[in-house]
Amino acid sequence: MLNNGIVVVRGGGDIATGTICRLHHCGFKLLVLETENPTAIRRTVAMSEAIYEGRQTVEGVTAERLADLAGCAACWTEGRVPLLVDPAADCLPQIQPIALIDAILAKKNCGTSKNMAPITIGLGPGFCGGKDVHAVIETARGHSLGRIIYSGCPLANSGIPGRIGGYTAERVLYAPEAGIIEVVKDIGSRVEKGEPLAYIGTSELSAPITGLVRGMIRHKSRVAKGLKIGDIDPRIDEVENCHTISDKARCISGGVLEALLFLSKSEDLLNFVGKRSKRIL
């Protein structure tokens, strides 16, 4: 039944991109909604970069920024994923999606509710399965990563980054002050501990550990104090990791796919599809 409609994904960051790529490869017709100024740090594997560049390709899947819904049909026909600036999801009444996935990962609900689509799925903290969405996908690393929650809430945000090579919080960079960031070591750069990575105003951000710059916010971005702006991977020789979807994103995307297929069997969805015989964007 899902082949008869559009699946909307709110957010185009690296975790969302894992879901976007999996669903695209599985034949789903997708529409991605983003903000005007996304702040993804794993930019090389984030579809949100299409907001700035016009197009972004991740593992063979290309997203294209559109000015409006009129270009969606051509995108789908040519095998691309349309992406719009629409942070409030104002386009939903016009497109009537069969499913909506909130993959913003803001650690809170940014306005998604069950009445937005016959199937609604939220990723991570901020959602409650069976209450504000039909299902929630666990995003916390550990035994339950990717688990589907149809009733209840996922684990709260611990505030501690996942452990890589023995490092957790010390490998992540946060803006020490508000301002415009000047990046000197971008994604893929090998750096030594203490080496300058970027500047914000009078503040120098140096590498907290020796490793590989895996994530870095865009050069010249305006950042708020405390914003996550980068991360270092201590696995210095694994450059390919900078350009491929992470294990975490792949695991979460599997949960999303399963939830979509399971929820698509519901009587309410079958009735929704049956009533909608024709729709034109």
Protein backbone atom coordinates (compact mmCIF):
# COMPACT_ATOMS: atom_id res chain seq x y z
CA MET A 1 0.00 0.00 0.00
CA LEU A 2 2.96 2.32 0.61
CA ASN A 3 3.76 2.34 -3.11
CA ASN A 4 0.57 4.34 -3.64
CA GLY A 5 1.78 7.42 -1.77
CA ILE A 6 4.56 9.73 -0.66
CA VAL A 7 6.71 9.31 2.43
CA VAL A 8 7.82 12.62 3.93
CA VAL A 9 11.04 12.80 5.94
CA ARG A 10 11.51 15.81 8.20
CA GLY A 11 15.23 16.49 8.45
CA GLY A 12 18.19 15.68 6.22
CA GLY A 13 21.07 15.21 8.65
CA ASP A 14 23.35 12.18 8.67
CA ILE A 15 20.99 9.94 10.68
CA ALA A 16 18.02 10.99 8.54
CA THR A 17 20.10 10.32 5.44
CA GLY A 18 20.57 6.71 6.47
CA THR A 19 16.79 6.33 6.43
CA ILE A 20 16.40 8.32 3.21
CA CYS A 21 18.88 6.12 1.35
CA ARG A 22 17.42 2.84 2.63
CA LEU A 23 13.85 3.80 1.76
CA HIS A 24 14.89 5.14 -1.65
CA HIS A 25 16.68 1.88 -2.46
CA CYS A 26 13.54 0.01 -1.38
CA GLY A 27 11.45 1.93 -3.92
CA PHE A 28 9.70 4.49 -1.71
CA LYS A 29 8.70 7.86 -3.17
CA LEU A 30 10.28 10.35 -0.76
CA LEU A 31 10.10 14.07 -0.04
CA VAL A 32 12.59 15.60 2.41
CA LEU A 33 11.80 18.78 4.36
CA GLU A 34 14.58 20.91 5.82
CA THR A 35 15.33 24.31 7.36
CA GLU A 36 16.83 27.22 5.43
CA ASN A 37 20.16 26.89 7.27
CA PRO A 38 20.87 23.28 8.31
CA THR A 39 23.74 22.76 10.77
CA ALA A 40 24.74 19.16 10.07
CA ILE A 41 28.36 18.38 10.93
CA ARG A 42 28.70 15.07 9.06
CA ARG A 43 28.01 17.05 5.90
CA THR A 44 29.50 14.57 3.43
CA VAL A 45 26.78 12.06 4.34
CA ALA A 46 23.90 14.49 4.94
CA MET A 47 21.26 15.22 2.31
CA SER A 48 20.74 18.60 3.98
CA GLU A 49 23.82 19.83 2.09
CA ALA A 50 21.58 20.05 -1.00
CA ILE A 51 20.12 23.19 0.61
CA TYR A 52 23.46 24.91 -0.01
CA GLU A 53 24.81 23.04 -3.03
CA GLY A 54 21.62 22.37 -4.99
CA ARG A 55 22.27 18.63 -5.02
CA GLN A 56 23.87 16.13 -2.66
CA THR A 57 24.73 12.50 -3.40
CA VAL A 58 25.28 9.94 -0.66
CA GLU A 59 26.05 6.32 -1.53
CA GLY A 60 24.53 6.66 -4.97
CA VAL A 61 21.34 8.45 -3.89
CA THR A 62 20.93 12.09 -4.97
CA ALA A 63 18.77 14.69 -3.28
CA GLU A 64 17.89 17.87 -5.16
CA ARG A 65 16.70 21.14 -3.68
CA LEU A 66 13.47 22.39 -5.25
CA ALA A 67 11.82 25.77 -5.00
CA ASP A 68 8.36 24.23 -4.70
CA LEU A 69 6.39 21.02 -5.11
CA ALA A 70 6.03 21.43 -8.87
CA GLY A 71 9.37 19.78 -9.55
CA CYS A 72 8.77 16.66 -7.44
CA ALA A 73 7.32 14.51 -10.22
CA ALA A 74 10.37 15.05 -12.46
CA CYS A 75 12.70 14.25 -9.54
CA TRP A 76 10.94 10.96 -8.84
CA THR A 77 10.86 10.01 -12.52
CA GLU A 78 14.59 10.62 -12.82
CA GLY A 79 15.41 8.69 -9.65
CA ARG A 80 16.26 11.60 -7.35
CA VAL A 81 14.89 12.64 -3.97
CA PRO A 82 13.25 16.09 -3.86
CA LEU A 83 14.14 18.35 -0.93
CA LEU A 84 12.29 21.49 0.09
CA VAL A 85 12.80 24.24 2.64
CA ASP A 86 9.70 23.71 4.76
CA PRO A 87 10.60 23.40 8.47
CA ALA A 88 6.96 23.61 9.59
CA ALA A 89 5.83 20.96 7.06
CA ASP A 90 3.26 23.36 5.62
CA CYS A 91 3.11 21.34 2.38
CA LEU A 92 1.43 18.32 4.00
CA PRO A 93 -2.19 19.26 3.21
CA GLN A 94 -1.30 19.56 -0.46
CA ILE A 95 0.64 16.32 -0.84
CA GLN A 96 -1.28 14.15 1.66
CA PRO A 97 1.62 11.79 2.45
CA ILE A 98 1.00 8.16 3.29
CA ALA A 99 3.67 8.40 6.01
CA LEU A 100 5.75 11.00 7.81
CA ILE A 101 9.08 10.34 9.51
CA ASP A 102 10.42 12.94 11.92
CA ALA A 103 14.19 12.50 11.68
CA ILE A 104 15.16 15.96 12.92
CA LEU A 105 16.74 14.48 16.07
CA ALA A 106 16.29 17.67 18.05
CA LYS A 107 15.89 15.66 21.29
CA LYS A 108 12.39 17.14 21.39
CA ASN A 109 9.25 17.10 19.27
CA CYS A 110 9.32 19.98 16.77
CA GLY A 111 5.62 19.82 16.00
CA THR A 112 5.00 16.31 14.65
CA SER A 113 1.69 14.67 15.53
CA LYS A 114 -0.27 11.56 14.57
CA ASN A 115 -2.78 13.58 12.54
CA MET A 116 -0.12 14.59 9.99
CA ALA A 117 -0.26 11.27 8.10
CA PRO A 118 -1.76 7.78 8.38
CA ILE A 119 1.68 6.59 9.55
CA THR A 120 3.93 8.76 11.71
CA ILE A 121 7.32 7.71 13.03
CA GLY A 122 9.64 9.68 15.30
CA LEU A 123 13.35 9.13 15.82
CA GLY A 124 14.73 9.33 19.34
CA PRO A 125 13.85 11.35 22.46
CA GLY A 126 10.92 13.76 22.33
CA PHE A 127 8.34 11.29 21.02
CA CYS A 128 5.99 8.83 22.65
CA GLY A 129 4.84 5.83 20.64
CA GLY A 130 1.06 5.56 20.45
CA LYS A 131 0.61 9.11 21.70
CA ASP A 132 2.12 11.79 19.44
CA VAL A 133 3.40 9.33 16.79
CA HIS A 134 2.46 5.78 15.84
CA ALA A 135 5.98 4.49 16.49
CA VAL A 136 9.31 5.68 17.84
CA ILE A 137 12.72 4.33 16.88
CA GLU A 138 15.33 4.04 19.63
CA THR A 139 18.42 6.09 18.75
CA ALA A 140 20.56 5.54 21.85
CA ARG A 141 23.58 3.30 21.24
CA GLY A 142 23.41 -0.05 22.94
CA HIS A 143 21.36 -3.20 22.93
CA SER A 144 18.10 -1.44 21.96
CA LEU A 145 19.44 0.75 19.12
CA GLY A 146 16.95 0.66 16.24
CA ARG A 147 14.20 -0.96 18.31
CA ILE A 148 10.62 0.03 17.42
CA ILE A 149 8.47 1.38 20.26
CA TYR A 150 4.74 1.32 19.52
CA SER A 151 3.73 2.20 23.08
CA GLY A 152 5.97 4.33 25.27
CA CYS A 153 9.04 6.50 24.96
CA PRO A 154 12.69 5.89 24.03
CA LEU A 155 15.61 6.41 26.39
CA ALA A 156 16.26 10.01 27.42
CA ASN A 157 19.21 11.81 25.90
CA SER A 158 22.28 10.96 27.99
CA GLY A 159 24.30 13.85 26.66
CA ILE A 160 27.28 11.49 26.25
CA PRO A 161 28.48 10.84 22.66
CA GLY A 162 28.97 7.25 21.55
CA ARG A 163 32.32 5.65 22.35
CA ILE A 164 34.73 5.42 19.42
CA GLY A 165 38.23 4.12 19.91
CA GLY A 166 37.90 4.57 23.66
CA TYR A 167 36.82 8.23 23.43
CA THR A 168 33.36 9.73 24.10
CA ALA A 169 32.75 13.38 25.03
CA GLU A 170 36.39 14.40 24.52
CA ARG A 171 36.19 13.78 20.75
CA VAL A 172 33.31 16.25 20.17
CA LEU A 173 33.64 19.99 19.52
CA TYR A 174 31.21 22.67 20.72
CA ALA A 175 31.19 26.38 19.94
CA PRO A 176 32.78 28.29 22.87
CA GLU A 177 31.02 31.48 21.80
CA ALA A 178 28.50 32.73 19.26
CA GLY A 179 29.74 34.01 15.92
CA ILE A 180 30.91 33.09 12.43
CA ILE A 181 33.11 30.01 12.24
CA GLU A 182 36.31 30.00 10.19
CA VAL A 183 37.16 26.38 9.41
CA VAL A 184 40.81 25.53 8.77
CA LYS A 185 40.62 21.72 9.01
CA ASP A 186 37.61 20.29 7.23
CA ILE A 187 36.18 16.78 6.98
CA GLY A 188 38.75 14.16 6.06
CA SER A 189 41.74 16.05 7.51
CA ARG A 190 44.18 14.17 9.73
CA VAL A 191 44.99 16.23 12.83
CA GLU A 192 47.22 16.04 15.89
CA LYS A 193 46.00 16.80 19.38
CA GLY A 194 46.18 20.56 19.97
CA GLU A 195 46.24 21.45 16.26
CA PRO A 196 43.94 24.38 15.31
CA LEU A 197 40.70 23.26 13.61
CA ALA A 198 38.66 26.45 13.45
CA TYR A 199 38.19 29.93 14.84
CA ILE A 200 35.08 31.66 16.16
CA GLY A 201 35.64 35.31 16.97
CA THR A 202 38.65 35.39 19.29
CA SER A 203 38.36 31.71 20.20
CA GLU A 204 40.56 29.00 18.72
CA LEU A 205 39.18 25.47 18.55
CA SER A 206 41.95 22.92 18.69
CA ALA A 207 41.82 19.16 18.18
CA PRO A 208 41.01 17.51 21.53
CA ILE A 209 42.60 14.24 20.36
CA THR A 210 44.71 12.97 17.47
CA GLY A 211 42.57 11.58 14.69
CA LEU A 212 40.48 12.29 11.64
CA VAL A 213 38.03 15.15 11.27
CA ARG A 214 34.83 13.17 10.65
CA GLY A 215 32.39 16.04 11.15
CA MET A 216 32.67 19.80 10.79
CA ILE A 217 29.99 22.44 10.33
CA ARG A 218 30.15 24.49 7.13
CA HIS A 219 32.79 27.19 6.80
CA LYS A 220 31.37 30.67 7.54
CA SER A 221 28.32 29.28 9.34
CA ARG A 222 26.81 31.42 12.08
CA VAL A 223 26.84 29.36 15.26
CA ALA A 224 25.35 29.76 18.71
CA LYS A 225 27.37 29.23 21.85
CA GLY A 226 27.32 25.57 22.83
CA LEU A 227 26.31 24.29 19.38
CA LYS A 228 27.90 21.01 18.36
CA ILE A 229 30.19 21.93 15.46
CA GLY A 230 32.47 18.97 14.86
CA ASP A 231 33.88 15.61 15.93
CA ILE A 232 37.16 13.76 15.70
CA ASP A 233 37.44 10.05 14.92
CA PRO A 234 40.52 8.50 16.58
CA ARG A 235 40.60 5.80 13.86
CA ILE A 236 42.95 7.92 11.79
CA ASP A 237 43.25 5.57 8.82
CA GLU A 238 39.53 5.01 8.25
CA VAL A 239 39.02 7.95 5.89
CA GLU A 240 36.20 6.12 4.10
CA ASN A 241 34.07 6.55 7.23
CA CYS A 242 33.84 10.26 6.39
CA HIS A 243 31.96 9.45 3.20
CA THR A 244 29.70 6.53 4.14
CA ILE A 245 26.58 6.19 6.25
CA SER A 246 27.36 5.25 9.84
CA ASP A 247 26.51 1.95 11.52
CA LYS A 248 24.13 3.84 13.81
CA ALA A 249 22.24 5.46 10.93
CA ARG A 250 21.93 2.11 9.12
CA CYS A 251 20.58 0.39 12.23
CA ILE A 252 17.99 3.11 12.84
CA SER A 253 16.91 3.03 9.19
CA GLY A 254 16.17 -0.67 9.52
CA GLY A 255 13.80 0.07 12.37
CA VAL A 256 12.09 2.76 10.31
CA LEU A 257 11.60 0.39 7.37
CA GLU A 258 10.16 -2.35 9.57
CA ALA A 259 7.79 0.07 11.31
CA LEU A 260 6.58 1.41 7.95
CA LEU A 261 5.83 -2.07 6.64
CA PHE A 262 4.16 -3.19 9.86
CA LEU A 263 1.98 -0.09 10.21
CA SER A 264 1.05 -0.21 6.50
CA LYS A 265 -1.14 -3.23 7.25
CA SER A 266 -3.49 -1.19 9.42
CA GLU A 267 -7.15 -0.85 8.42
CA ASP A 268 -7.00 2.95 8.72
CA LEU A 269 -4.24 3.13 6.12
CA LEU A 270 -6.06 0.81 3.73
CA ASN A 271 -9.14 3.04 3.99
CA PHE A 272 -7.02 6.17 3.43
CA VAL A 273 -5.51 4.77 0.24
CA GLY A 274 -8.87 3.51 -1.00
CA LYS A 275 -10.48 6.94 -0.70
CA ARG A 276 -7.71 8.73 -2.56
CA SER A 277 -8.03 7.65 -6.17
CA LYS A 278 -6.18 10.58 -7.72
CA ARG A 279 -3.88 13.32 -6.53
CA ILE A 280 -1.88 15.92 -8.50
CA LEU A 281 0.95 17.97 -7.02
